[in-house]
Protein backbone atom coordinates (compact mmCIF):
# COMPACT_ATOMS: atom_id res chain seq x y z
CA MET A 1 92.80 108.65 94.75
CA ALA A 2 94.77 105.51 95.60
CA ILE A 3 96.26 102.63 93.60
CA VAL A 4 97.10 99.70 95.90
CA GLY A 5 97.54 95.94 95.67
CA PRO A 6 100.05 93.09 95.84
CA THR A 7 103.61 93.29 94.58
CA ALA A 8 104.35 93.14 90.83
CA THR A 9 100.86 94.20 89.71
CA GLY A 10 102.02 97.39 87.97
CA LYS A 11 100.88 99.92 90.59
CA SER A 12 103.77 102.34 90.01
CA THR A 13 103.36 102.44 86.25
CA LEU A 14 99.60 102.93 86.46
CA GLY A 15 100.00 105.55 89.20
CA VAL A 16 102.43 107.61 87.12
CA GLU A 17 100.26 107.34 84.04
CA LEU A 18 97.23 108.46 86.04
CA ALA A 19 99.16 111.40 87.50
CA LEU A 20 100.28 112.43 84.02
CA ARG A 21 96.70 112.30 82.71
CA THR A 22 95.33 114.36 85.58
CA GLY A 23 98.21 116.64 86.44
CA GLY A 24 98.56 114.85 89.77
CA GLU A 25 101.41 113.96 92.10
CA VAL A 26 102.31 110.53 93.55
CA VAL A 27 102.32 109.91 97.30
CA SER A 28 104.16 106.66 97.92
CA CYS A 29 102.62 104.07 100.24
CA ASP A 30 105.64 101.75 100.55
CA SER A 31 107.37 100.94 103.81
CA THR A 32 110.75 100.31 102.13
CA ALA A 33 110.83 103.18 99.64
CA VAL A 34 111.13 105.66 102.50
CA TYR A 35 114.79 104.58 103.10
CA ARG A 36 117.66 106.29 101.30
CA GLY A 37 120.19 104.09 99.55
CA PHE A 38 117.92 101.07 99.21
CA ASP A 39 116.76 101.35 95.62
CA ILE A 40 117.23 98.16 93.63
CA GLY A 41 115.89 95.67 96.14
CA THR A 42 112.85 97.83 96.82
CA ASP A 43 112.10 98.29 93.11
CA LYS A 44 111.99 102.03 93.73
CA PRO A 45 110.90 103.87 90.59
CA SER A 46 113.83 105.54 88.87
CA SER A 47 113.83 109.15 87.69
CA ALA A 48 113.07 107.95 84.18
CA GLU A 49 110.14 105.83 85.40
CA ARG A 50 108.72 108.77 87.34
CA ARG A 51 108.47 110.66 84.02
CA GLY A 52 108.65 114.06 85.65
CA VAL A 53 105.79 113.36 88.09
CA PRO A 54 106.61 114.60 91.63
CA HIS A 55 106.84 111.74 94.12
CA HIS A 56 106.43 112.18 97.87
CA LEU A 57 107.44 109.89 100.79
CA ILE A 58 110.43 108.39 98.92
CA ASP A 59 113.98 108.70 100.31
CA ILE A 60 112.95 110.53 103.45
CA ALA A 61 114.60 108.41 106.16
CA GLU A 62 118.03 107.03 106.96
CA PRO A 63 118.31 103.24 106.98
CA THR A 64 119.20 103.34 110.67
CA GLU A 65 115.86 104.94 111.57
CA ARG A 66 112.68 103.09 112.51
CA PHE A 67 109.91 104.42 110.32
CA SER A 68 106.59 103.52 111.87
CA ALA A 69 103.10 103.43 110.38
CA ALA A 70 102.10 106.32 112.65
CA ARG A 71 104.99 108.42 111.38
CA TYR A 72 104.08 107.53 107.81
CA ALA A 73 100.43 108.56 108.32
CA ARG A 74 101.47 111.99 109.60
CA ALA A 75 103.95 112.57 106.77
CA ALA A 76 101.60 111.26 104.07
CA ALA A 77 98.70 113.34 105.36
CA ALA A 78 100.93 116.40 105.19
CA ALA A 79 101.92 115.53 101.62
CA VAL A 80 98.30 115.05 100.60
CA ALA A 81 97.45 118.45 102.13
CA GLN A 82 100.35 120.07 100.26
CA VAL A 83 99.37 118.57 96.88
CA THR A 84 95.69 119.40 97.40
CA ALA A 85 96.49 123.00 98.46
CA ALA A 86 98.31 123.40 95.15
CA GLY A 87 95.11 122.38 93.36
CA ARG A 88 96.52 119.09 92.17
CA LEU A 89 95.34 115.48 92.62
CA PRO A 90 97.21 113.34 95.15
CA VAL A 91 97.66 109.77 93.84
CA LEU A 92 98.51 107.34 96.63
CA VAL A 93 100.47 104.45 95.22
CA GLY A 94 101.83 101.34 97.01
CA GLY A 95 101.26 97.98 98.58
CA THR A 96 101.99 98.40 102.29
CA GLY A 97 98.63 97.58 103.75
CA LEU A 98 99.34 98.84 107.27
CA TYR A 99 100.51 102.21 105.91
CA TYR A 100 97.39 102.52 103.75
CA ARG A 101 95.13 101.70 106.72
CA ALA A 102 96.98 104.10 109.00
CA LEU A 103 96.48 106.95 106.54
CA VAL A 104 92.97 106.23 105.28
CA ARG A 105 91.31 104.72 108.33
CA GLY A 106 93.65 105.77 111.16
CA LEU A 107 95.49 103.83 113.84
CA CYS A 108 93.96 102.85 117.15
CA PRO A 109 95.28 105.31 119.79
CA ALA A 110 95.95 102.52 122.28
CA PRO A 111 99.24 102.51 124.27
CA ALA A 112 102.40 100.84 123.05
CA ARG A 113 103.18 97.32 124.15
CA ASP A 114 104.37 96.70 127.73
CA ASP A 115 106.62 93.64 127.65
CA ARG A 116 106.58 93.07 131.39
CA LEU A 117 102.81 93.16 131.59
CA ARG A 118 102.50 90.91 128.56
CA ALA A 119 104.86 88.38 130.15
CA ARG A 120 102.69 88.35 133.29
CA LEU A 121 99.53 87.79 131.27
CA HIS A 122 101.14 84.96 129.29
CA ARG A 123 102.17 83.33 132.55
CA VAL A 124 98.55 83.54 133.74
CA ALA A 125 97.46 81.85 130.52
CA SER A 126 100.01 79.09 131.07
CA ARG A 127 98.78 78.44 134.61
CA ARG A 128 95.04 78.88 134.18
CA GLY A 129 94.50 78.36 130.47
CA VAL A 130 93.83 80.74 127.62
CA GLU A 131 90.10 80.42 128.12
CA TRP A 132 90.48 82.07 131.53
CA LEU A 133 91.87 85.16 129.77
CA HIS A 134 88.85 85.11 127.47
CA ARG A 135 86.47 85.03 130.45
CA TRP A 136 88.40 88.00 131.95
CA VAL A 137 88.06 89.94 128.67
CA THR A 138 84.35 89.09 128.61
CA ARG A 139 83.91 90.74 131.98
CA VAL A 140 85.81 93.94 131.25
CA ASP A 141 85.35 94.33 127.45
CA PRO A 142 82.48 92.15 126.14
CA GLU A 143 82.66 93.68 122.63
CA SER A 144 86.32 92.61 122.25
CA ALA A 145 85.45 89.17 123.68
CA MET A 146 82.94 88.73 120.89
CA ARG A 147 85.55 89.62 118.25
CA ILE A 148 88.42 87.52 119.66
CA GLN A 149 88.42 83.73 119.53
CA PRO A 150 88.60 82.06 122.99
CA ARG A 151 92.05 80.59 122.29
CA ASP A 152 93.59 83.58 120.54
CA GLU A 153 96.07 84.27 123.31
CA LYS A 154 97.94 87.06 121.50
CA ARG A 155 94.84 89.20 120.97
CA LEU A 156 93.40 88.42 124.41
CA VAL A 157 96.65 89.58 126.00
CA ARG A 158 96.55 92.78 123.98
CA ALA A 159 92.97 93.52 125.03
CA LEU A 160 93.81 93.03 128.68
CA GLU A 161 97.08 94.96 128.35
CA VAL A 162 95.27 98.02 127.00
CA TYR A 163 92.62 97.82 129.72
CA LEU A 164 95.12 97.40 132.59
CA LEU A 165 97.37 100.19 131.32
CA THR A 166 94.68 102.79 130.62
CA GLY A 167 91.56 101.74 132.50
CA ARG A 168 89.69 101.93 129.21
CA THR A 169 88.74 99.05 126.96
CA LEU A 170 90.27 98.28 123.62
CA THR A 171 86.79 98.78 122.12
CA ALA A 172 86.73 102.35 123.48
CA HIS A 173 90.13 103.03 121.96
CA PHE A 174 88.96 101.70 118.61
CA ALA A 175 85.98 104.08 118.83
CA ASP A 176 88.46 106.97 119.14
CA THR A 177 90.30 106.05 115.95
CA ARG A 178 90.35 108.91 113.46
CA SER A 179 91.74 108.99 109.96
CA PRO A 180 94.30 111.69 109.15
CA LEU A 181 92.32 112.08 105.90
CA ARG A 182 88.84 112.27 107.46
CA ASP A 183 88.18 115.50 105.54
CA HIS A 184 89.05 113.84 102.19
CA GLU A 185 87.23 111.36 100.03
CA VAL A 186 89.62 108.56 99.00
CA LEU A 187 88.79 106.67 95.85
CA THR A 188 90.83 103.44 95.97
CA PHE A 189 91.56 100.91 93.26
CA CYS A 190 93.17 97.57 94.12
CA LEU A 191 95.05 95.70 91.41
CA ARG A 192 95.25 91.90 91.36
CA LEU A 193 96.63 89.27 89.00
CA PRO A 194 96.30 85.49 88.63
CA ALA A 195 98.87 83.64 90.71
CA GLU A 196 100.72 82.33 87.65
CA GLU A 197 101.11 85.87 86.25
CA THR A 198 102.38 87.11 89.57
CA ALA A 199 104.94 84.29 89.64
CA ARG A 200 106.15 85.20 86.14
CA ARG A 201 106.46 88.89 86.97
CA VAL A 202 108.19 88.29 90.25
CA ALA A 203 110.75 85.98 88.64
CA HIS A 204 111.45 88.58 85.97
CA ARG A 205 111.83 91.30 88.57
CA VAL A 206 114.26 89.30 90.69
CA ASP A 207 116.44 88.58 87.62
CA ARG A 208 116.41 92.32 86.85
CA GLN A 209 117.37 93.23 90.40
CA PHE A 210 120.42 91.01 90.28
CA GLU A 211 121.37 92.31 86.85
CA GLN A 212 121.10 95.88 88.14
CA GLY A 213 123.45 95.12 91.04
CA VAL A 214 121.49 94.43 94.20
CA LEU A 215 124.52 92.53 95.61
CA ALA A 216 126.70 95.59 95.11
CA GLU A 217 123.98 97.83 96.63
CA VAL A 218 124.01 95.73 99.81
CA ARG A 219 127.81 95.70 99.95
CA ARG A 220 127.88 99.53 99.60
CA ALA A 221 125.40 99.92 102.46
CA LEU A 222 127.40 97.63 104.71
CA ALA A 223 130.64 99.43 103.78
CA ALA A 224 128.97 102.77 104.65
CA GLY A 225 128.31 101.48 108.16
CA VAL A 226 124.67 100.44 107.92
CA PRO A 227 124.34 97.67 110.50
CA GLU A 228 122.92 94.29 109.48
CA ASP A 229 120.05 94.72 111.91
CA ALA A 230 118.92 97.96 110.26
CA HIS A 231 115.24 97.89 109.39
CA PRO A 232 115.58 97.78 105.57
CA PHE A 233 117.81 94.72 105.81
CA GLY A 234 114.93 92.84 107.37
CA GLY A 235 112.79 93.21 104.26
CA LEU A 236 112.33 91.00 101.24
CA VAL A 237 115.32 90.72 98.90
CA TYR A 238 117.75 92.34 101.35
CA ARG A 239 117.33 89.69 104.02
CA GLN A 240 118.01 86.91 101.55
CA VAL A 241 120.93 88.81 99.92
CA LEU A 242 122.56 89.29 103.30
CA GLU A 243 122.31 85.54 103.96
CA HIS A 244 123.87 84.87 100.57
CA LEU A 245 126.77 87.19 101.35
CA ARG A 246 127.27 85.34 104.64
CA GLY A 247 127.49 82.09 102.69
CA VAL A 248 124.15 80.66 103.73
CA ARG A 249 123.23 79.74 100.17
CA ASP A 250 124.52 80.27 96.63
CA GLU A 251 123.14 82.86 94.22
CA PRO A 252 120.72 80.58 92.23
CA ALA A 253 119.19 79.32 95.50
CA THR A 254 118.97 82.90 96.74
CA ARG A 255 117.14 84.06 93.63
CA ALA A 256 114.72 81.13 93.90
CA LEU A 257 114.05 81.88 97.58
CA ILE A 258 113.39 85.57 96.86
CA VAL A 259 110.88 84.60 94.18
CA GLN A 260 109.19 82.18 96.56
CA GLU A 261 109.04 84.76 99.40
CA ASN A 262 107.67 87.44 97.04
CA ARG A 263 104.87 85.13 95.97
CA ARG A 264 103.99 84.44 99.58
CA TYR A 265 104.10 88.16 100.29
CA ALA A 266 101.78 88.86 97.36
CA ARG A 267 99.25 86.40 98.82
CA ARG A 268 99.44 88.10 102.23
CA GLN A 269 98.96 91.53 100.64
CA LEU A 270 95.90 90.28 98.78
CA ILE A 271 94.40 88.88 101.98
CA TRP A 272 95.04 92.21 103.73
CA PHE A 273 93.43 94.36 101.04
CA ARG A 274 90.39 92.07 100.84
CA LYS A 275 89.66 93.16 104.40
CA GLU A 276 89.77 96.86 103.51
CA PRO A 277 86.36 98.45 102.82
CA ASN A 278 85.31 100.36 99.75
CA LEU A 279 87.98 99.16 97.32
CA ARG A 280 87.33 98.93 93.60
CA TRP A 281 89.08 95.91 92.15
CA ILE A 282 90.88 95.79 88.80
CA SER A 283 91.72 92.27 87.69
CA ARG A 284 93.58 93.09 84.50
CA PRO A 285 96.19 95.66 85.62
CA GLY A 286 98.67 94.35 83.08
CA GLU A 287 96.51 95.77 80.31
CA HIS A 288 97.35 99.39 81.17
CA PRO A 289 95.17 101.15 78.58
CA ASP A 290 92.10 99.26 79.83
CA ALA A 291 93.00 99.67 83.49
CA LEU A 292 93.72 103.38 83.05
CA ALA A 293 90.43 103.84 81.17
CA GLU A 294 88.57 102.14 84.03
CA VAL A 295 90.18 104.37 86.62
CA LEU A 296 89.59 107.54 84.60
CA ALA A 297 85.95 106.57 83.98
CA THR A 298 85.37 106.14 87.71
CA LEU A 299 87.19 109.38 88.41
CA ASP A 300 84.94 111.14 85.92
CA ALA A 301 81.88 110.02 87.93
CA HIS A 302 83.06 111.90 91.04
CA PRO A 303 82.33 115.62 90.63
CA ALA A 304 85.00 116.96 93.01
CA LEU A 305 87.75 114.74 91.68
CA ARG A 306 86.63 115.34 88.11
CA ALA A 307 86.86 119.08 88.57
CA LEU A 308 90.36 118.81 90.02
CA SER A 309 91.42 116.42 87.29
CA ASN A 310 90.01 118.64 84.52
CA THR A 311 91.71 121.70 85.94
CA ASN A 312 95.08 119.98 85.75
CA HIS A 313 94.57 117.71 82.73
CA VAL A 314 97.73 117.00 80.80
CA ASP A 315 97.40 115.76 77.24
CA THR A 316 99.86 112.91 76.88
CA GLY A 317 98.71 112.02 73.41
């Protein structure tokens, strides 16, 4: 089972409540929660907020590491297997769309980017026009040519890059994509809120993060030797806090910018999840009793999940 959706929709709270009701364990689906020492700015659930529910894929990487979607998919699949083997219900919780897709649908096994080849292809586009690249893709990979707009230079370059590096089309690589969870049925709920409610929640969260000491958290990380170009520092909250500490803007302007960027991020997350198949949407996640009842009712309609849930049911009343 999975609880996904944009930031500030209450995924963590609902996920923990669901795990408590079913005797499950949470598998995080958050690209920032994997890093140790970055807690406040990532809104990582505290020990009290976890309420005794085991959480996986949190605090498993140093901030100097690059934690890719492929690495996440392997680690999360292993966690799901571990929880399932123990006869418990894995509850995937988070809002990182690429991580969710990598785990549930798999990543295309195409080669990594080749900067030199890409530069050559971009030069060809500059000399002959982007449409010329599209005609080339049409000859070697007509299925990709139908999916890619004639002036989408970035995607055309990628299609040609894959073909030139491997001798196989991007379409063929997509056909080879396999989910790490292909032997599991994943029941996914996506939470969403009206824009004005998201704005209110995000503003409250940012105020709380500053009250809890996000500035001190960043100073501690820098003092411990974490470089400013470390991956977590490129994320929301931390990027703006670093700029504040460099004197780019004062604290009120920094808070306002973080709220603005979080709202934009929420819109991007919603767009991403709208493209994911087979999601069940919950439009009132703030009303946790109703949302939880909706999830449990759907869970009850799935025999295998119902059996697992009933086996491990925990009475929280």
